[in-house]
Amino acid sequence: MLPWDSNAAKVYARLRASCERDAAPLGTMDMLIAAHSAAVGAVLVTNDKAFRIIKHYLPIEDWTIPVACPFD
């Protein structure tokens, strides 16, 4: 478990301002998750389509989408 610290709070403020400026709706809890992921440099693994609007803000992986295996 990673702590919610002042850096995460700063990233949240920037993300929220960006979403409001761009009129990109993102729920409060989703915004907290995204900000925390971005603050610690993590990749957000989700298939929740809501996060598509901020894919420029942090790396997002959808592990439900099959990819070709290079060994096949």
Protein backbone atom coordinates (compact mmCIF):
# COMPACT_ATOMS: atom_id res chain seq x y z
CA MET A 1 0.00 0.00 0.00
CA LEU A 2 1.36 3.38 -0.97
CA PRO A 3 0.71 6.46 1.16
CA TRP A 4 -1.32 9.41 -0.06
CA ASP A 5 1.18 12.20 0.37
CA SER A 6 1.57 15.86 -0.57
CA ASN A 7 2.96 14.91 -4.00
CA ALA A 8 -0.16 12.85 -4.75
CA ALA A 9 -2.31 15.77 -3.62
CA LYS A 10 -0.43 18.15 -5.95
CA VAL A 11 -0.85 15.77 -8.89
CA TYR A 12 -4.55 15.48 -8.05
CA ALA A 13 -4.91 19.28 -8.12
CA ARG A 14 -3.20 19.50 -11.53
CA LEU A 15 -5.28 16.63 -12.94
CA ARG A 16 -8.53 18.09 -11.63
CA ALA A 17 -7.71 21.52 -13.07
CA SER A 18 -6.82 19.93 -16.41
CA CYS A 19 -10.07 17.94 -16.52
CA GLU A 20 -12.14 21.00 -15.62
CA ARG A 21 -10.35 23.15 -18.20
CA ASP A 22 -10.87 20.50 -20.91
CA ALA A 23 -14.44 19.74 -19.78
CA ALA A 24 -13.39 16.10 -19.44
CA PRO A 25 -15.66 14.44 -16.91
CA LEU A 26 -13.93 12.02 -14.58
CA GLY A 27 -15.43 10.87 -11.30
CA THR A 28 -13.82 11.92 -8.03
CA MET A 29 -12.66 8.43 -7.07
CA ASP A 30 -11.31 7.76 -10.58
CA MET A 31 -9.44 11.05 -10.41
CA LEU A 32 -7.92 10.10 -7.04
CA ILE A 33 -6.82 6.72 -8.44
CA ALA A 34 -5.31 8.33 -11.54
CA ALA A 35 -3.52 11.02 -9.54
CA HIS A 36 -2.06 8.52 -7.11
CA SER A 37 -0.84 6.33 -9.97
CA ALA A 38 0.74 9.29 -11.74
CA ALA A 39 2.35 10.57 -8.53
CA VAL A 40 4.23 7.32 -7.96
CA GLY A 41 5.05 6.75 -11.63
CA ALA A 42 2.88 3.64 -11.89
CA VAL A 43 1.08 2.23 -14.89
CA LEU A 44 -2.67 2.17 -14.32
CA VAL A 45 -4.04 -1.26 -15.26
CA THR A 46 -7.74 -1.00 -16.03
CA ASN A 47 -10.32 -1.65 -18.70
CA ASP A 48 -12.50 1.19 -17.42
CA LYS A 49 -13.17 3.37 -20.46
CA ALA A 50 -13.47 6.49 -18.28
CA PHE A 51 -9.68 6.70 -18.01
CA ARG A 52 -9.27 7.06 -21.79
CA ILE A 53 -9.81 10.81 -21.48
CA ILE A 54 -6.62 11.18 -19.45
CA LYS A 55 -4.36 8.70 -21.23
CA HIS A 56 -2.01 11.59 -22.05
CA TYR A 57 -1.58 12.11 -18.30
CA LEU A 58 -0.34 8.66 -17.27
CA PRO A 59 0.38 5.29 -18.85
CA ILE A 60 -2.67 3.03 -19.00
CA GLU A 61 -2.71 -0.68 -19.81
CA ASP A 62 -5.79 -2.74 -20.56
CA TRP A 63 -4.87 -6.36 -19.93
CA THR A 64 -8.22 -7.58 -21.23
CA ILE A 65 -7.12 -6.85 -24.81
CA PRO A 66 -5.26 -9.83 -26.30
CA VAL A 67 -1.90 -9.16 -27.90
CA ALA A 68 0.02 -11.33 -30.31
CA CYS A 69 2.64 -13.51 -28.68
CA PRO A 70 6.04 -13.20 -30.37
CA PHE A 71 6.72 -16.89 -29.69
CA ASP A 72 3.73 -18.25 -31.65
